[in-house]
Amino acid sequence: MAGGGLVAIKRRIRSISSTQKITKAMGLIATSKLRKVRKKLEVNQKYYDAFNHIVNDLVKNIEDRNIYVHGNGSKKKLYITLNSDSGLCGGFNANIVNTAAPIILEDKENNLLISVGQKGRMYFNRMKCETISEYVDIPDIPTLKESSTITYKILDMYRKGEVGEVYIIYTKFHSTVKQDITVEKILPLENKDEESPNHFVKFEPSINQMIEDVIVMHLKQQILNFMFNSKVSEQGSRMSAMDGATKNSNDLLDKLNLKYNRERQGAITQEITEIVSGAEALK
C-alpha cells in the first residue's frame, strides 16, 4: 500500500513539474512580447494624441452639416470588441465579453457586433450573440493593414446608413497591474477637448473638402492605437497569469515533496519493524 502511494505521489510531482516548465516558458515569452508591443504603444500614443488634437479642431470649426460629426440618422449601433486569438491570459477575454454581451443582448435588433480575436468569437457564439464580421489571427504587433481592414468596413456601413453610431470595446493599458475595460465612441466624431480655449483656425482647403481623407486617417490610427492597448494588456495579463501559475505549482510541489518524504519515512519504518519482528520470531 505504501509503495503504491509513493508511486502515485511521484507521478503527480513529475506532472506538476512538467506543467511548471510550460508556465515558466510562457511567462518569459509574454514578458518579451510585452516589452516589444509596449514600445510600439508609447511611440504610437504620441501620434495618436497629436492627431486627436487636430481632429478636435476640425470638429469645433466645422460649419456645414456633416454625417461624420452630426450623424446620419440611423438608430442602429455597431460595437467592435478586441479580444485575443489565444487563451491562458487570466480574465482578459472574459472581461471584454462580460462588458459587451449585456449591451448587445439588450437590443439585438439595433445593436450590431464585430468581433476581433478568436477567443471573442468563441465566447460570443456560446452566448448566442451574432456577429456581422469576424477578424482573427491579429499579429502580436498590429499594423495599419489590420486597422485599415476594420476601418473600411466601418466606414462602408456608416456611409450607407446601416449604423448610426460606432463604439469600440477594448482593454486600455495603464500598467502591468492595471488595465481598464473601455467603451469608446468613434463615430460620429465628438469634441473630446472641450476644456481647451476656443480659437479661430483657418483650414485650407476647407474642412468639408478634406474631412473624407481625415476621417479615414483618423479611424485607422485610432483603431491601431486601441489594438496596441489591447495587445499590451493581453501580454501583461498572460504574464501575470503564468507567474501566478508558476508560484502555485511551487507551493504544490513543496506540499507533495513533504508528503512523499513522510510516506517514504513511514514505509521504511514499517519495513524495519517487520524485519525486527521476523528476527525475533525466529529466536
Protein backbone atom coordinates (compact mmCIF):
# COMPACT_ATOMS: atom_id res chain seq x y z
CA MET A 1 0.00 0.00 0.00
CA ALA A 2 2.79 2.39 0.94
CA GLY A 3 4.68 1.65 -2.26
CA GLY A 4 1.59 2.36 -4.37
CA GLY A 5 1.03 5.66 -2.59
CA LEU A 6 4.64 6.72 -3.20
CA VAL A 7 4.36 5.91 -6.91
CA ALA A 8 1.17 8.00 -7.24
CA ILE A 9 2.75 10.97 -5.45
CA LYS A 10 5.90 10.74 -7.56
CA ARG A 11 3.82 10.62 -10.74
CA ARG A 12 1.93 13.74 -9.68
CA ILE A 13 5.18 15.55 -8.85
CA ARG A 14 6.50 14.79 -12.36
CA SER A 15 3.25 16.02 -13.91
CA ILE A 16 3.28 19.31 -11.99
CA SER A 17 6.99 19.83 -12.75
CA SER A 18 6.29 19.43 -16.48
CA THR A 19 3.42 21.92 -16.29
CA GLN A 20 5.63 24.33 -14.36
CA LYS A 21 8.21 24.30 -17.16
CA ILE A 22 5.47 25.28 -19.61
CA THR A 23 4.13 28.12 -17.44
CA LYS A 24 7.66 29.46 -16.90
CA ALA A 25 8.35 29.43 -20.63
CA MET A 26 5.03 31.09 -21.45
CA GLY A 27 5.65 33.74 -18.81
CA LEU A 28 9.06 34.57 -20.32
CA ILE A 29 7.61 34.73 -23.83
CA ALA A 30 4.79 37.01 -22.66
CA THR A 31 7.32 39.29 -20.94
CA SER A 32 9.36 39.56 -24.13
CA LYS A 33 6.30 40.29 -26.28
CA LEU A 34 5.04 42.81 -23.72
CA ARG A 35 8.24 44.84 -23.97
CA LYS A 36 8.13 44.95 -27.76
CA VAL A 37 4.50 45.96 -28.16
CA ARG A 38 4.71 48.40 -25.23
CA LYS A 39 7.46 50.33 -27.04
CA LYS A 40 5.23 50.49 -30.12
CA LEU A 41 2.34 51.77 -27.99
CA GLU A 42 4.47 54.52 -26.43
CA VAL A 43 5.54 55.77 -29.86
CA ASN A 44 2.03 55.49 -31.32
CA GLN A 45 0.46 57.25 -28.33
CA LYS A 46 2.29 60.50 -29.15
CA TYR A 47 1.00 60.43 -32.73
CA TYR A 48 -2.48 59.47 -31.51
CA ASP A 49 -2.66 62.41 -29.08
CA ALA A 50 -1.39 64.90 -31.68
CA PHE A 51 -3.81 63.69 -34.36
CA ASN A 52 -6.73 63.78 -31.91
CA HIS A 53 -5.95 67.44 -31.21
CA ILE A 54 -6.19 68.21 -34.94
CA VAL A 55 -9.46 66.29 -35.28
CA ASN A 56 -10.91 68.18 -32.30
CA ASP A 57 -10.08 71.44 -34.07
CA LEU A 58 -11.88 70.19 -37.15
CA VAL A 59 -14.98 69.27 -35.17
CA LYS A 60 -15.05 72.61 -33.37
CA ASN A 61 -14.72 74.67 -36.56
CA ILE A 62 -16.96 72.74 -38.96
CA GLU A 63 -19.82 74.90 -40.23
CA ASP A 64 -21.93 72.84 -42.62
CA ARG A 65 -23.82 69.75 -41.57
CA ASN A 66 -21.71 66.63 -41.95
CA ILE A 67 -22.60 62.98 -41.28
CA TYR A 68 -19.25 62.34 -39.58
CA VAL A 69 -20.00 64.98 -36.95
CA HIS A 70 -23.79 65.36 -36.85
CA GLY A 71 -24.74 61.73 -37.55
CA ASN A 72 -26.53 60.01 -40.42
CA GLY A 73 -29.95 59.49 -38.84
CA SER A 74 -29.65 55.72 -38.29
CA LYS A 75 -30.66 54.38 -34.87
CA LYS A 76 -28.52 51.25 -35.07
CA LYS A 77 -25.28 50.96 -33.11
CA LEU A 78 -22.18 48.99 -34.02
CA TYR A 79 -19.89 47.57 -31.33
CA ILE A 80 -16.37 46.31 -32.07
CA THR A 81 -14.73 44.09 -29.44
CA LEU A 82 -10.98 43.49 -29.23
CA ASN A 83 -10.11 40.05 -27.83
CA SER A 84 -7.12 37.75 -28.15
CA ASP A 85 -6.53 34.83 -30.51
CA SER A 86 -5.11 32.60 -27.75
CA GLY A 87 -6.01 31.91 -24.14
CA LEU A 88 -4.15 31.49 -20.84
CA CYS A 89 -4.29 35.24 -20.16
CA GLY A 90 -6.40 35.38 -17.00
CA GLY A 91 -9.68 37.28 -17.21
CA PHE A 92 -8.62 39.38 -20.21
CA ASN A 93 -11.15 37.92 -22.67
CA ALA A 94 -13.92 37.28 -20.15
CA ASN A 95 -13.89 40.92 -19.03
CA ILE A 96 -14.42 42.17 -22.59
CA VAL A 97 -17.21 39.66 -23.28
CA ASN A 98 -18.94 40.34 -19.95
CA THR A 99 -18.97 44.06 -20.80
CA ALA A 100 -20.14 43.69 -24.40
CA ALA A 101 -22.64 40.81 -24.20
CA PRO A 102 -25.25 42.56 -21.97
CA ILE A 103 -25.16 45.61 -24.26
CA ILE A 104 -25.64 43.53 -27.42
CA LEU A 105 -28.33 41.28 -25.95
CA GLU A 106 -30.30 44.25 -24.57
CA ASP A 107 -31.42 45.17 -28.10
CA LYS A 108 -30.26 42.57 -30.62
CA GLU A 109 -32.16 44.22 -33.47
CA ASN A 110 -30.35 47.55 -33.23
CA ASN A 111 -27.02 46.60 -31.63
CA LEU A 112 -24.62 45.00 -34.12
CA LEU A 113 -21.33 43.29 -33.31
CA ILE A 114 -17.93 42.94 -34.98
CA SER A 115 -15.62 40.55 -33.14
CA VAL A 116 -11.83 40.81 -33.37
CA GLY A 117 -9.92 37.82 -32.00
CA GLN A 118 -10.53 34.08 -31.98
CA LYS A 119 -11.46 33.89 -28.28
CA GLY A 120 -14.06 36.63 -28.60
CA ARG A 121 -15.72 34.80 -31.48
CA MET A 122 -15.91 31.59 -29.42
CA TYR A 123 -17.40 33.30 -26.37
CA PHE A 124 -19.98 35.28 -28.34
CA ASN A 125 -21.10 32.19 -30.25
CA ARG A 126 -21.73 30.41 -26.95
CA MET A 127 -23.76 33.37 -25.70
CA LYS A 128 -25.85 33.48 -28.91
CA CYS A 129 -24.51 36.90 -29.89
CA GLU A 130 -24.48 37.10 -33.68
CA THR A 131 -21.58 38.85 -35.37
CA ILE A 132 -21.72 40.61 -38.74
CA SER A 133 -17.94 40.29 -39.24
CA GLU A 134 -15.11 38.45 -37.52
CA TYR A 135 -11.38 39.15 -37.69
CA VAL A 136 -8.85 36.63 -36.34
CA ASP A 137 -5.09 35.97 -36.43
CA ILE A 138 -4.16 39.53 -35.45
CA PRO A 139 -0.33 39.66 -35.10
CA ASP A 140 1.36 40.34 -31.76
CA ILE A 141 2.35 43.75 -33.08
CA PRO A 142 -0.65 45.07 -35.07
CA THR A 143 -0.08 47.15 -38.19
CA LEU A 144 -2.08 49.57 -40.33
CA LYS A 145 -3.05 46.63 -42.51
CA GLU A 146 -5.28 45.19 -39.77
CA SER A 147 -6.68 48.55 -38.65
CA SER A 148 -7.35 49.58 -42.27
CA THR A 149 -9.43 46.46 -42.95
CA ILE A 150 -11.67 47.22 -39.98
CA THR A 151 -11.78 50.95 -40.79
CA TYR A 152 -13.07 50.45 -44.34
CA LYS A 153 -15.71 48.01 -43.12
CA ILE A 154 -16.94 50.53 -40.52
CA LEU A 155 -16.98 53.46 -42.95
CA ASP A 156 -18.81 51.46 -45.60
CA MET A 157 -21.60 50.62 -43.14
CA TYR A 158 -21.73 54.16 -41.74
CA ARG A 159 -21.87 55.87 -45.14
CA LYS A 160 -24.69 53.56 -46.25
CA GLY A 161 -26.64 54.41 -43.08
CA GLU A 162 -26.58 50.81 -41.85
CA VAL A 163 -25.32 52.06 -38.46
CA GLY A 164 -25.62 55.46 -36.82
CA GLU A 165 -23.08 55.11 -34.01
CA VAL A 166 -19.88 53.08 -33.75
CA TYR A 167 -18.27 52.04 -30.46
CA ILE A 168 -15.16 50.00 -29.73
CA ILE A 169 -14.74 47.95 -26.55
CA TYR A 170 -11.13 47.27 -25.63
CA THR A 171 -8.74 46.95 -22.70
CA LYS A 172 -6.89 50.22 -22.06
CA PHE A 173 -3.37 49.69 -20.70
CA HIS A 174 -2.13 51.75 -17.76
CA SER A 175 0.45 49.41 -16.22
CA THR A 176 1.14 45.69 -15.88
CA VAL A 177 -1.13 45.62 -12.83
CA LYS A 178 -3.85 47.98 -14.06
CA GLN A 179 -5.93 47.68 -17.23
CA ASP A 180 -9.42 49.11 -17.72
CA ILE A 181 -12.22 47.92 -19.96
CA THR A 182 -13.10 50.97 -22.05
CA VAL A 183 -16.09 51.65 -24.30
CA GLU A 184 -15.01 54.33 -26.79
CA LYS A 185 -17.30 56.09 -29.25
CA ILE A 186 -15.53 56.62 -32.59
CA LEU A 187 -18.39 57.71 -34.87
CA PRO A 188 -19.85 60.26 -35.18
CA LEU A 189 -16.92 62.44 -34.13
CA GLU A 190 -17.12 64.34 -30.86
CA ASN A 191 -15.04 67.16 -29.46
CA LYS A 192 -13.13 65.47 -26.64
CA ASP A 193 -11.04 68.51 -25.85
CA GLU A 194 -13.81 70.77 -24.52
CA GLU A 195 -11.61 72.35 -21.85
CA SER A 196 -9.21 73.79 -24.43
CA PRO A 197 -9.79 77.50 -25.21
CA ASN A 198 -11.77 78.24 -28.37
CA HIS A 199 -9.65 79.84 -31.05
CA PHE A 200 -10.16 80.57 -34.71
CA VAL A 201 -8.39 78.19 -37.06
CA LYS A 202 -8.44 78.69 -40.80
CA PHE A 203 -8.23 75.48 -42.81
CA GLU A 204 -7.00 75.40 -46.38
CA PRO A 205 -8.62 73.63 -48.18
CA SER A 206 -11.93 73.83 -46.32
CA ILE A 207 -12.92 71.27 -43.68
CA ASN A 208 -15.69 69.85 -45.87
CA GLN A 209 -13.21 69.23 -48.68
CA MET A 210 -10.72 67.29 -46.57
CA ILE A 211 -12.98 65.66 -43.97
CA GLU A 212 -13.25 62.44 -46.02
CA ASP A 213 -9.48 61.91 -46.08
CA VAL A 214 -9.04 63.00 -42.47
CA ILE A 215 -11.72 60.65 -41.15
CA VAL A 216 -10.07 57.66 -42.84
CA MET A 217 -6.65 58.55 -41.42
CA HIS A 218 -8.14 59.26 -38.01
CA LEU A 219 -10.01 55.96 -37.72
CA LYS A 220 -7.01 53.98 -38.93
CA GLN A 221 -4.66 55.40 -36.32
CA GLN A 222 -7.36 55.34 -33.63
CA ILE A 223 -8.15 51.64 -34.11
CA LEU A 224 -4.43 50.85 -34.35
CA ASN A 225 -3.89 52.59 -31.00
CA PHE A 226 -6.72 50.58 -29.43
CA MET A 227 -5.18 47.39 -30.84
CA PHE A 228 -1.83 48.28 -29.30
CA ASN A 229 -3.51 48.88 -25.94
CA SER A 230 -5.32 45.56 -26.23
CA LYS A 231 -2.19 43.60 -27.16
CA VAL A 232 -0.11 45.13 -24.34
CA SER A 233 -2.90 44.37 -21.87
CA GLU A 234 -3.19 40.81 -23.20
CA GLN A 235 0.52 40.10 -22.76
CA GLY A 236 0.50 41.76 -19.33
CA SER A 237 -2.45 39.59 -18.25
CA ARG A 238 -0.78 36.46 -19.63
CA MET A 239 2.50 37.28 -17.87
CA SER A 240 0.68 37.75 -14.55
CA ALA A 241 -1.38 34.57 -15.05
CA MET A 242 1.69 32.46 -15.85
CA ASP A 243 3.65 33.91 -12.92
CA GLY A 244 0.73 33.07 -10.63
CA ALA A 245 0.50 29.54 -12.06
CA THR A 246 4.25 29.01 -11.55
CA LYS A 247 4.05 30.16 -7.93
CA ASN A 248 1.05 27.90 -7.28
CA SER A 249 2.93 24.93 -8.77
CA ASN A 250 5.87 25.68 -6.45
CA ASP A 251 3.52 25.56 -3.46
CA LEU A 252 2.02 22.27 -4.66
CA LEU A 253 5.44 20.74 -5.22
CA ASP A 254 6.57 21.73 -1.72
CA LYS A 255 3.50 20.07 -0.20
CA LEU A 256 3.84 16.95 -2.35
CA ASN A 257 7.56 16.58 -1.60
CA LEU A 258 6.81 16.86 2.11
CA LYS A 259 4.05 14.28 1.78
CA TYR A 260 6.33 11.98 -0.26
CA ASN A 261 9.10 12.16 2.33
CA ARG A 262 6.66 11.40 5.16
CA GLU A 263 5.18 8.44 3.25
CA ARG A 264 8.67 7.18 2.43
CA GLN A 265 9.83 7.52 6.02
CA GLY A 266 6.72 5.71 7.21
CA ALA A 267 7.31 2.89 4.70
CA ILE A 268 10.95 2.49 5.80
CA THR A 269 9.94 2.45 9.46
CA GLN A 270 7.30 -0.19 8.74
CA GLU A 271 9.82 -2.36 6.86
CA ILE A 272 12.34 -2.13 9.71
CA THR A 273 9.64 -3.04 12.21
CA GLU A 274 8.64 -6.07 10.13
CA ILE A 275 12.28 -7.22 9.83
CA VAL A 276 12.87 -6.88 13.58
CA SER A 277 9.62 -8.71 14.32
CA GLY A 278 10.58 -11.52 11.97
CA ALA A 279 14.02 -11.85 13.52
CA GLU A 280 12.52 -12.02 16.99
CA ALA A 281 10.09 -14.72 15.88
CA LEU A 282 12.95 -16.92 14.63
CA LYS A 283 14.72 -16.95 18.00
